[in-house]
């Protein structure tokens, strides 16, 4: 007896032999045309576009899948080892940095977290940003005085109100840096 789905050729034509179902009953043998392919053996249809996309290599030329996996695996292992060595030292540096650049009320925060570890660098950066902000405030004030801006918007007026606070903070930073 032939397996299910197999086409057998004989003198009287091509036949699909009788098969036994799961419930114990039998399927009849069927005669099929020459060149018949059972549905289980037919390849799934794939459009030309899908064929083209699957033919494109996934990695750039010269890079092989095995090499790439082993490199990234070793890099990840190195990163994990370094993290274990560092322990909580990074956490303490970050908390110190955040404490030094504490947000003052009424002053818009620039960034609450930076990767810089030197507090002087943070102060210089903050000073630079505040000077830029002060310059913008002075330009806005000169435009209002010259009549270029007839009716300033609410946000512009709020910016002008913060001029004194910005100047005070610049003075404090300059004295702490000694410049």
N, C-alpha and C. Protein backbone atom coordinates (compact mmCIF):
# COMPACT_ATOMS: atom_id res chain seq x y z
N UNK A 1 0.83 -1.16 0.00
CA UNK A 1 0.00 0.00 0.00
C UNK A 1 0.89 1.25 0.00
N UNK A 2 0.51 2.30 -0.75
CA UNK A 2 1.29 3.52 -0.88
C UNK A 2 0.95 4.48 0.25
N UNK A 3 1.85 5.44 0.48
CA UNK A 3 1.63 6.46 1.52
C UNK A 3 0.57 7.45 1.07
N UNK A 4 -0.04 8.15 2.05
CA UNK A 4 -1.06 9.15 1.74
C UNK A 4 -0.44 10.30 0.99
N UNK A 5 -1.13 10.76 -0.06
CA UNK A 5 -0.67 11.90 -0.83
C UNK A 5 0.32 11.54 -1.91
N UNK A 6 0.77 10.31 -1.98
CA UNK A 6 1.73 9.91 -3.01
C UNK A 6 0.97 9.46 -4.25
N UNK A 7 1.45 9.90 -5.38
CA UNK A 7 0.82 9.55 -6.65
C UNK A 7 1.53 8.32 -7.22
N UNK A 8 0.76 7.32 -7.56
CA UNK A 8 1.33 6.09 -8.12
C UNK A 8 0.91 5.96 -9.57
N UNK A 9 1.86 5.60 -10.42
CA UNK A 9 1.55 5.41 -11.84
C UNK A 9 1.39 3.92 -12.11
N UNK A 10 0.46 3.64 -12.97
CA UNK A 10 0.25 2.25 -13.38
C UNK A 10 -0.11 2.24 -14.86
N UNK A 11 -0.46 1.04 -15.40
CA UNK A 11 -0.79 0.93 -16.82
C UNK A 11 -2.08 1.69 -17.16
N UNK A 12 -3.05 1.73 -16.22
CA UNK A 12 -4.31 2.38 -16.53
C UNK A 12 -4.31 3.87 -16.18
N UNK A 13 -3.19 4.53 -15.85
CA UNK A 13 -3.15 5.97 -15.56
C UNK A 13 -2.48 6.23 -14.21
N UNK A 14 -2.71 7.42 -13.73
CA UNK A 14 -2.13 7.83 -12.46
C UNK A 14 -3.20 7.81 -11.39
N UNK A 15 -2.85 7.24 -10.24
CA UNK A 15 -3.81 7.07 -9.14
C UNK A 15 -3.22 7.57 -7.82
N UNK A 16 -4.15 8.10 -6.98
CA UNK A 16 -3.80 8.33 -5.59
C UNK A 16 -4.39 7.15 -4.85
N UNK A 17 -3.55 6.36 -4.18
CA UNK A 17 -4.05 5.14 -3.57
C UNK A 17 -5.00 5.41 -2.39
N UNK A 18 -5.75 4.38 -2.02
CA UNK A 18 -6.67 4.47 -0.89
C UNK A 18 -5.85 4.63 0.39
N UNK A 19 -6.39 5.47 1.30
CA UNK A 19 -5.69 5.71 2.57
C UNK A 19 -6.66 5.60 3.73
N UNK A 20 -6.09 5.37 4.90
CA UNK A 20 -6.90 5.22 6.09
C UNK A 20 -6.95 6.56 6.83
N UNK A 21 -8.17 6.99 7.22
CA UNK A 21 -8.35 8.23 7.95
C UNK A 21 -8.05 8.02 9.44
N UNK A 22 -7.98 9.11 10.20
CA UNK A 22 -7.68 9.04 11.63
C UNK A 22 -8.78 8.32 12.40
N UNK A 23 -10.02 8.43 11.92
CA UNK A 23 -11.13 7.78 12.64
C UNK A 23 -11.28 6.30 12.27
N UNK A 24 -10.42 5.79 11.37
CA UNK A 24 -10.45 4.37 11.03
C UNK A 24 -11.13 4.07 9.71
N UNK A 25 -11.86 5.00 9.13
CA UNK A 25 -12.52 4.76 7.84
C UNK A 25 -11.50 4.92 6.71
N UNK A 26 -11.87 4.46 5.50
CA UNK A 26 -10.95 4.47 4.36
C UNK A 26 -11.40 5.45 3.29
N UNK A 27 -10.43 6.12 2.69
CA UNK A 27 -10.69 6.96 1.51
C UNK A 27 -10.53 6.07 0.28
N UNK A 28 -11.32 6.35 -0.74
CA UNK A 28 -11.22 5.58 -1.98
C UNK A 28 -9.98 6.00 -2.76
N UNK A 29 -9.48 5.14 -3.56
CA UNK A 29 -8.40 5.47 -4.48
C UNK A 29 -8.97 6.37 -5.57
N UNK A 30 -8.19 7.38 -5.99
CA UNK A 30 -8.70 8.31 -7.00
C UNK A 30 -7.77 8.34 -8.21
N UNK A 31 -8.38 8.48 -9.36
CA UNK A 31 -7.62 8.62 -10.59
C UNK A 31 -7.37 10.12 -10.81
N UNK A 32 -6.13 10.50 -11.17
CA UNK A 32 -5.76 11.90 -11.41
C UNK A 32 -5.08 12.00 -12.76
N UNK A 33 -5.03 13.25 -13.28
CA UNK A 33 -4.39 13.48 -14.58
C UNK A 33 -2.88 13.31 -14.48
N UNK A 34 -2.26 13.13 -15.64
CA UNK A 34 -0.82 13.02 -15.71
C UNK A 34 -0.20 14.35 -15.27
N UNK A 35 0.85 14.31 -14.44
CA UNK A 35 1.53 15.53 -13.98
C UNK A 35 0.90 16.14 -12.73
N UNK A 36 -0.08 15.44 -12.13
CA UNK A 36 -0.74 15.95 -10.92
C UNK A 36 0.25 16.01 -9.76
N UNK A 37 0.20 17.13 -9.02
CA UNK A 37 1.03 17.29 -7.82
C UNK A 37 0.08 17.47 -6.64
N UNK A 38 0.20 16.65 -5.60
CA UNK A 38 -0.70 16.79 -4.45
C UNK A 38 -0.54 18.17 -3.79
N UNK A 39 -1.63 18.69 -3.20
CA UNK A 39 -1.59 20.03 -2.61
C UNK A 39 -0.52 20.19 -1.52
N UNK A 40 -0.21 19.12 -0.79
CA UNK A 40 0.79 19.21 0.26
C UNK A 40 2.20 19.46 -0.31
N UNK A 41 2.42 19.04 -1.55
CA UNK A 41 3.75 19.16 -2.14
C UNK A 41 3.92 20.40 -3.01
N UNK A 42 2.84 21.15 -3.22
CA UNK A 42 2.93 22.37 -4.03
C UNK A 42 3.61 23.46 -3.21
N UNK A 43 4.58 24.16 -3.82
CA UNK A 43 5.27 25.26 -3.15
C UNK A 43 4.32 26.43 -2.96
N UNK A 44 4.51 27.14 -1.86
CA UNK A 44 3.71 28.31 -1.56
C UNK A 44 4.01 29.40 -2.60
N UNK A 45 2.98 30.10 -3.06
CA UNK A 45 3.18 31.15 -4.05
C UNK A 45 3.94 32.32 -3.44
N UNK A 46 4.92 32.80 -4.17
CA UNK A 46 5.72 33.93 -3.72
C UNK A 46 5.82 34.93 -4.87
N UNK A 47 5.39 36.17 -4.63
CA UNK A 47 5.40 37.19 -5.69
C UNK A 47 6.83 37.53 -6.08
N UNK A 48 6.98 38.21 -7.23
CA UNK A 48 8.30 38.60 -7.71
C UNK A 48 8.99 39.54 -6.71
N UNK A 49 8.20 40.46 -6.14
CA UNK A 49 8.77 41.40 -5.17
C UNK A 49 9.30 40.69 -3.94
N UNK A 50 8.55 39.73 -3.45
CA UNK A 50 8.97 38.96 -2.27
C UNK A 50 10.22 38.16 -2.59
N UNK A 51 10.29 37.59 -3.79
CA UNK A 51 11.47 36.84 -4.20
C UNK A 51 12.69 37.76 -4.26
N UNK A 52 12.49 38.98 -4.78
CA UNK A 52 13.58 39.93 -4.90
C UNK A 52 14.09 40.35 -3.52
N UNK A 53 13.16 40.64 -2.59
CA UNK A 53 13.56 41.05 -1.25
C UNK A 53 14.31 39.94 -0.54
N UNK A 54 13.86 38.71 -0.69
CA UNK A 54 14.53 37.61 -0.01
C UNK A 54 15.89 37.29 -0.63
N UNK A 55 16.11 37.72 -1.89
CA UNK A 55 17.41 37.46 -2.52
C UNK A 55 18.46 38.47 -2.11
N UNK A 56 18.07 39.63 -1.54
CA UNK A 56 19.01 40.65 -1.10
C UNK A 56 19.72 40.16 0.16
N UNK A 57 21.05 40.27 0.20
CA UNK A 57 21.76 39.83 1.41
C UNK A 57 21.42 40.72 2.59
N UNK A 58 21.34 40.14 3.77
CA UNK A 58 20.95 40.88 4.97
C UNK A 58 22.14 41.62 5.59
N UNK A 59 23.34 41.16 5.33
CA UNK A 59 24.55 41.78 5.88
C UNK A 59 25.34 42.46 4.77
N UNK A 60 26.13 43.46 5.09
CA UNK A 60 26.94 44.11 4.07
C UNK A 60 28.00 43.17 3.52
N UNK A 61 28.53 43.48 2.34
CA UNK A 61 29.53 42.59 1.74
C UNK A 61 30.75 42.44 2.64
N UNK A 62 31.24 41.23 2.75
CA UNK A 62 32.42 40.96 3.55
C UNK A 62 32.14 40.58 4.99
N UNK A 63 30.90 40.75 5.44
CA UNK A 63 30.54 40.40 6.81
C UNK A 63 29.76 39.10 6.77
N UNK A 64 30.20 38.16 7.57
CA UNK A 64 29.54 36.87 7.60
C UNK A 64 28.78 36.71 8.90
N UNK A 65 27.69 36.00 8.84
CA UNK A 65 26.78 35.89 9.98
C UNK A 65 27.47 35.33 11.23
N UNK A 66 28.29 34.30 11.08
CA UNK A 66 28.94 33.69 12.24
C UNK A 66 29.89 34.67 12.91
N UNK A 67 30.69 35.41 12.11
CA UNK A 67 31.64 36.38 12.66
C UNK A 67 30.90 37.47 13.43
N UNK A 68 29.84 37.97 12.85
CA UNK A 68 29.08 39.07 13.46
C UNK A 68 28.51 38.66 14.81
N UNK A 69 27.96 37.46 14.89
CA UNK A 69 27.36 37.01 16.14
C UNK A 69 28.42 36.85 17.23
N UNK A 70 29.57 36.30 16.87
CA UNK A 70 30.60 36.07 17.88
C UNK A 70 31.19 37.39 18.37
N UNK A 71 31.33 38.39 17.47
CA UNK A 71 31.86 39.69 17.88
C UNK A 71 30.92 40.39 18.85
N UNK A 72 29.62 40.42 18.50
CA UNK A 72 28.67 41.11 19.37
C UNK A 72 28.53 40.38 20.69
N UNK A 73 28.64 39.07 20.65
CA UNK A 73 28.54 38.29 21.88
C UNK A 73 29.71 38.63 22.80
N UNK A 74 30.92 38.69 22.24
CA UNK A 74 32.09 39.00 23.06
C UNK A 74 32.03 40.45 23.56
N UNK A 75 31.53 41.38 22.73
CA UNK A 75 31.39 42.77 23.17
C UNK A 75 30.43 42.88 24.34
N UNK A 76 29.30 42.19 24.23
CA UNK A 76 28.32 42.22 25.30
C UNK A 76 28.89 41.62 26.58
N UNK A 77 29.67 40.55 26.46
CA UNK A 77 30.28 39.95 27.65
C UNK A 77 31.25 40.93 28.30
N UNK A 78 32.03 41.66 27.49
CA UNK A 78 32.97 42.64 28.02
C UNK A 78 32.22 43.75 28.75
N UNK A 79 31.12 44.21 28.16
CA UNK A 79 30.32 45.26 28.79
C UNK A 79 29.80 44.80 30.15
N UNK A 80 29.31 43.59 30.22
CA UNK A 80 28.79 43.06 31.48
C UNK A 80 29.89 43.00 32.54
N UNK A 81 31.10 42.54 32.14
CA UNK A 81 32.21 42.45 33.08
C UNK A 81 32.59 43.84 33.60
N UNK A 82 32.64 44.82 32.70
CA UNK A 82 32.99 46.17 33.10
C UNK A 82 31.95 46.76 34.04
N UNK A 83 30.68 46.48 33.80
CA UNK A 83 29.62 46.98 34.68
C UNK A 83 29.77 46.39 36.08
N UNK A 84 30.12 45.11 36.15
CA UNK A 84 30.30 44.46 37.45
C UNK A 84 31.48 45.07 38.19
N UNK A 85 32.56 45.39 37.45
CA UNK A 85 33.74 45.98 38.08
C UNK A 85 33.43 47.37 38.63
N UNK A 86 32.71 48.17 37.82
CA UNK A 86 32.39 49.53 38.23
C UNK A 86 31.51 49.56 39.47
N UNK A 87 30.59 48.63 39.54
CA UNK A 87 29.69 48.56 40.69
C UNK A 87 28.84 49.80 40.82
N UNK A 88 28.77 50.37 42.02
CA UNK A 88 27.92 51.52 42.27
C UNK A 88 28.67 52.84 42.18
N UNK A 89 29.92 52.85 41.70
CA UNK A 89 30.69 54.09 41.64
C UNK A 89 30.03 55.10 40.70
N UNK A 90 29.45 54.64 39.59
CA UNK A 90 28.78 55.55 38.66
C UNK A 90 27.56 56.19 39.30
N UNK A 91 26.86 55.45 40.12
CA UNK A 91 25.66 55.96 40.75
C UNK A 91 26.00 57.11 41.68
N UNK A 92 27.08 56.98 42.44
CA UNK A 92 27.47 58.05 43.37
C UNK A 92 27.90 59.29 42.61
N UNK A 93 28.61 59.12 41.47
CA UNK A 93 29.03 60.28 40.66
C UNK A 93 27.80 61.01 40.11
N UNK A 94 26.83 60.27 39.66
CA UNK A 94 25.63 60.87 39.09
C UNK A 94 24.86 61.64 40.15
N UNK A 95 24.72 61.07 41.34
CA UNK A 95 23.97 61.76 42.39
C UNK A 95 24.69 63.03 42.82
N UNK A 96 26.03 63.01 42.87
CA UNK A 96 26.78 64.22 43.20
C UNK A 96 26.57 65.29 42.14
N UNK A 97 26.62 64.89 40.88
CA UNK A 97 26.43 65.83 39.78
C UNK A 97 25.06 66.46 39.84
N UNK A 98 24.04 65.65 40.10
CA UNK A 98 22.68 66.18 40.18
C UNK A 98 22.51 67.12 41.37
N UNK A 99 23.17 66.81 42.48
CA UNK A 99 23.07 67.66 43.66
C UNK A 99 23.72 69.02 43.40
N UNK A 100 24.81 69.04 42.64
CA UNK A 100 25.50 70.29 42.36
C UNK A 100 24.73 71.15 41.36
N UNK A 101 24.01 70.51 40.45
CA UNK A 101 23.25 71.26 39.45
C UNK A 101 21.77 71.27 39.81
N UNK A 102 21.50 71.44 41.09
CA UNK A 102 20.13 71.42 41.57
C UNK A 102 19.33 72.53 40.91
N UNK A 103 18.10 72.23 40.57
CA UNK A 103 17.22 73.19 39.90
C UNK A 103 16.72 74.20 40.91
N UNK A 104 16.87 75.47 40.57
CA UNK A 104 16.40 76.53 41.45
C UNK A 104 14.98 76.91 41.04
N UNK A 105 14.15 77.30 42.00
CA UNK A 105 12.78 77.67 41.66
C UNK A 105 12.76 78.90 40.76
N UNK A 106 11.90 78.84 39.76
CA UNK A 106 11.73 79.96 38.84
C UNK A 106 12.72 79.93 37.68
N UNK A 107 13.66 78.99 37.68
CA UNK A 107 14.64 78.88 36.61
C UNK A 107 14.34 77.60 35.85
N UNK A 108 14.22 77.72 34.54
CA UNK A 108 13.91 76.55 33.71
C UNK A 108 15.10 75.61 33.71
N UNK A 109 14.88 74.31 33.93
CA UNK A 109 15.99 73.36 33.95
C UNK A 109 16.55 73.15 32.55
N UNK A 110 17.86 73.04 32.45
CA UNK A 110 18.46 72.75 31.14
C UNK A 110 18.48 71.25 30.94
N UNK A 111 19.22 70.55 31.77
CA UNK A 111 19.22 69.08 31.73
C UNK A 111 19.39 68.60 33.15
N UNK A 112 18.65 67.59 33.52
CA UNK A 112 18.76 67.08 34.88
C UNK A 112 19.85 66.04 34.99
N UNK A 113 20.30 65.48 33.87
CA UNK A 113 21.32 64.46 33.92
C UNK A 113 22.31 64.70 32.79
N UNK A 114 23.57 64.71 33.11
CA UNK A 114 24.60 64.83 32.09
C UNK A 114 25.65 63.77 32.34
N UNK A 115 26.46 63.53 31.33
CA UNK A 115 27.51 62.53 31.46
C UNK A 115 28.81 63.13 31.94
N UNK A 116 28.87 64.47 32.07
CA UNK A 116 30.08 65.11 32.55
C UNK A 116 30.27 64.80 34.04
N UNK A 117 31.50 64.50 34.41
CA UNK A 117 31.75 64.15 35.80
C UNK A 117 32.36 65.32 36.57
N UNK A 118 32.99 66.27 35.88
CA UNK A 118 33.64 67.40 36.53
C UNK A 118 32.60 68.49 36.83
N UNK A 119 32.45 68.89 38.09
CA UNK A 119 31.45 69.91 38.42
C UNK A 119 31.77 71.27 37.81
N UNK A 120 33.06 71.59 37.63
CA UNK A 120 33.42 72.86 36.99
C UNK A 120 32.94 72.91 35.55
N UNK A 121 33.02 71.77 34.86
CA UNK A 121 32.53 71.70 33.48
C UNK A 121 31.03 71.99 33.43
N UNK A 122 30.32 71.44 34.39
CA UNK A 122 28.87 71.67 34.45
C UNK A 122 28.56 73.14 34.70
N UNK A 123 29.34 73.75 35.59
CA UNK A 123 29.11 75.16 35.89
C UNK A 123 29.42 76.03 34.68
N UNK A 124 30.50 75.72 33.96
CA UNK A 124 30.84 76.47 32.75
C UNK A 124 29.73 76.35 31.71
N UNK A 125 29.22 75.15 31.58
CA UNK A 125 28.14 74.91 30.61
C UNK A 125 26.89 75.70 30.99
N UNK A 126 26.55 75.67 32.26
CA UNK A 126 25.38 76.40 32.75
C UNK A 126 25.57 77.91 32.56
N UNK A 127 26.80 78.40 32.83
CA UNK A 127 27.11 79.81 32.67
C UNK A 127 26.96 80.23 31.20
N UNK A 128 27.45 79.40 30.31
CA UNK A 128 27.34 79.68 28.88
C UNK A 128 25.87 79.76 28.46
N UNK A 129 25.07 78.82 28.93
CA UNK A 129 23.64 78.82 28.60
C UNK A 129 22.93 80.04 29.15
N UNK A 130 23.29 80.44 30.37
CA UNK A 130 22.65 81.61 30.97
C UNK A 130 23.03 82.89 30.23
N UNK A 131 24.29 83.01 29.81
CA UNK A 131 24.71 84.18 29.04
C UNK A 131 23.97 84.26 27.72
N UNK A 132 23.77 83.12 27.09
CA UNK A 132 23.01 83.06 25.84
C UNK A 132 21.57 83.51 26.07
N UNK A 133 20.98 83.05 27.17
CA UNK A 133 19.62 83.42 27.52
C UNK A 133 19.53 84.92 27.79
N UNK A 134 20.51 85.48 28.50
CA UNK A 134 20.54 86.91 28.80
C UNK A 134 20.65 87.72 27.51
N UNK A 135 21.46 87.27 26.58
CA UNK A 135 21.61 87.95 25.29
C UNK A 135 20.28 87.98 24.54
N UNK A 136 19.55 86.85 24.56
CA UNK A 136 18.24 86.79 23.91
C UNK A 136 17.26 87.76 24.57
N UNK A 137 17.31 87.84 25.90
CA UNK A 137 16.42 88.76 26.63
C UNK A 137 16.72 90.20 26.24
N UNK A 138 18.03 90.55 26.16
CA UNK A 138 18.42 91.91 25.80
C UNK A 138 18.02 92.24 24.37
N UNK A 139 18.14 91.28 23.45
CA UNK A 139 17.71 91.50 22.06
C UNK A 139 16.21 91.73 22.00
N UNK A 140 15.46 90.95 22.77
CA UNK A 140 14.01 91.10 22.81
C UNK A 140 13.64 92.48 23.36
N UNK A 141 14.35 92.92 24.40
CA UNK A 141 14.08 94.23 25.00
C UNK A 141 14.37 95.35 23.99
N UNK A 142 15.46 95.22 23.24
CA UNK A 142 15.79 96.26 22.26
C UNK A 142 14.77 96.30 21.12
N UNK A 143 14.24 95.16 20.73
CA UNK A 143 13.21 95.13 19.68
C UNK A 143 11.93 95.80 20.16
N UNK A 144 11.60 95.58 21.43
CA UNK A 144 10.39 96.20 22.00
C UNK A 144 10.59 97.71 22.11
N UNK A 145 11.78 98.14 22.55
CA UNK A 145 12.07 99.56 22.71
C UNK A 145 12.07 100.29 21.37
N UNK A 146 12.59 99.63 20.31
CA UNK A 146 12.65 100.27 18.99
C UNK A 146 11.31 100.27 18.28
N UNK A 147 10.36 99.53 18.79
CA UNK A 147 9.03 99.47 18.18
C UNK A 147 8.89 98.38 17.14
N UNK A 148 9.92 97.56 16.99
CA UNK A 148 9.87 96.45 16.04
C UNK A 148 8.79 95.45 16.44
N UNK A 149 8.65 95.25 17.76
CA UNK A 149 7.59 94.40 18.29
C UNK A 149 6.63 95.33 19.03
N UNK A 150 5.43 95.52 18.45
CA UNK A 150 4.45 96.45 19.04
C UNK A 150 3.78 95.85 20.27
N UNK A 151 3.26 94.65 20.11
CA UNK A 151 2.58 93.99 21.23
C UNK A 151 3.31 92.68 21.53
N UNK A 152 4.15 92.66 22.56
CA UNK A 152 4.84 91.41 22.90
C UNK A 152 3.86 90.36 23.43
N UNK A 153 4.17 89.13 23.12
CA UNK A 153 3.33 88.02 23.58
C UNK A 153 3.58 87.76 25.06
N UNK A 154 2.71 86.96 25.64
CA UNK A 154 2.79 86.63 27.06
C UNK A 154 4.12 85.94 27.39
N UNK A 155 4.54 85.01 26.54
CA UNK A 155 5.79 84.29 26.78
C UNK A 155 6.99 85.24 26.72
N UNK A 156 6.92 86.23 25.82
CA UNK A 156 8.01 87.20 25.71
C UNK A 156 8.09 88.06 26.97
N UNK A 157 6.93 88.44 27.50
CA UNK A 157 6.91 89.24 28.72
C UNK A 157 7.46 88.45 29.91
N UNK A 158 7.11 87.15 29.96
CA UNK A 158 7.63 86.29 31.03
C UNK A 158 9.15 86.18 30.95
N UNK A 159 9.65 86.11 29.73
CA UNK A 159 11.09 86.03 29.52
C UNK A 159 11.77 87.30 30.03
N UNK A 160 11.16 88.45 29.77
CA UNK A 160 11.72 89.72 30.23
C UNK A 160 11.74 89.81 31.76
N UNK A 161 10.72 89.25 32.40
CA UNK A 161 10.65 89.27 33.86
C UNK A 161 11.77 88.47 34.50
N UNK A 162 12.28 87.46 33.79
CA UNK A 162 13.32 86.59 34.33
C UNK A 162 14.73 87.16 34.15
N UNK A 163 14.84 88.37 33.64
CA UNK A 163 16.15 88.96 33.38
C UNK A 163 16.96 89.10 34.66
N UNK A 164 16.35 89.63 35.73
CA UNK A 164 17.06 89.83 37.00
C UNK A 164 17.55 88.51 37.59
N UNK A 165 16.68 87.50 37.56
CA UNK A 165 17.05 86.18 38.09
C UNK A 165 18.23 85.61 37.33
N UNK A 166 18.20 85.75 36.00
CA UNK A 166 19.28 85.24 35.16
C UNK A 166 20.59 85.95 35.47
N UNK A 167 20.53 87.27 35.61
CA UNK A 167 21.74 88.04 35.93
C UNK A 167 22.32 87.63 37.28
N UNK A 168 21.45 87.43 38.27
CA UNK A 168 21.91 87.00 39.60
C UNK A 168 22.61 85.64 39.54
N UNK A 169 21.99 84.72 38.79
CA UNK A 169 22.57 83.38 38.68
C UNK A 169 23.91 83.42 37.96
N UNK A 170 24.04 84.29 36.95
CA UNK A 170 25.31 84.43 36.25
C UNK A 170 26.38 84.94 37.21
N UNK A 171 26.03 85.95 38.03
CA UNK A 171 26.98 86.48 39.00
C UNK A 171 27.42 85.40 40.00
N UNK A 172 26.47 84.61 40.49
CA UNK A 172 26.79 83.55 41.45
C UNK A 172 27.75 82.52 40.84
N UNK A 173 27.46 82.13 39.61
CA UNK A 173 28.32 81.14 38.94
C UNK A 173 29.71 81.72 38.69
N UNK A 174 29.77 82.99 38.28
CA UNK A 174 31.08 83.60 38.02
C UNK A 174 31.91 83.71 39.29
N UNK A 175 31.25 84.04 40.42
CA UNK A 175 31.99 84.12 41.67
C UNK A 175 32.45 82.74 42.14
N UNK A 176 31.62 81.74 41.95
CA UNK A 176 32.01 80.39 42.38
C UNK A 176 33.12 79.82 41.51
N UNK A 177 33.17 80.24 40.24
CA UNK A 177 34.23 79.78 39.35
C UNK A 177 35.47 80.65 39.46
N UNK A 178 35.28 81.87 39.99
CA UNK A 178 36.43 82.78 40.15
C UNK A 178 36.82 83.47 38.86
N UNK A 179 35.85 83.71 37.99
CA UNK A 179 36.16 84.37 36.72
C UNK A 179 35.76 85.82 36.74
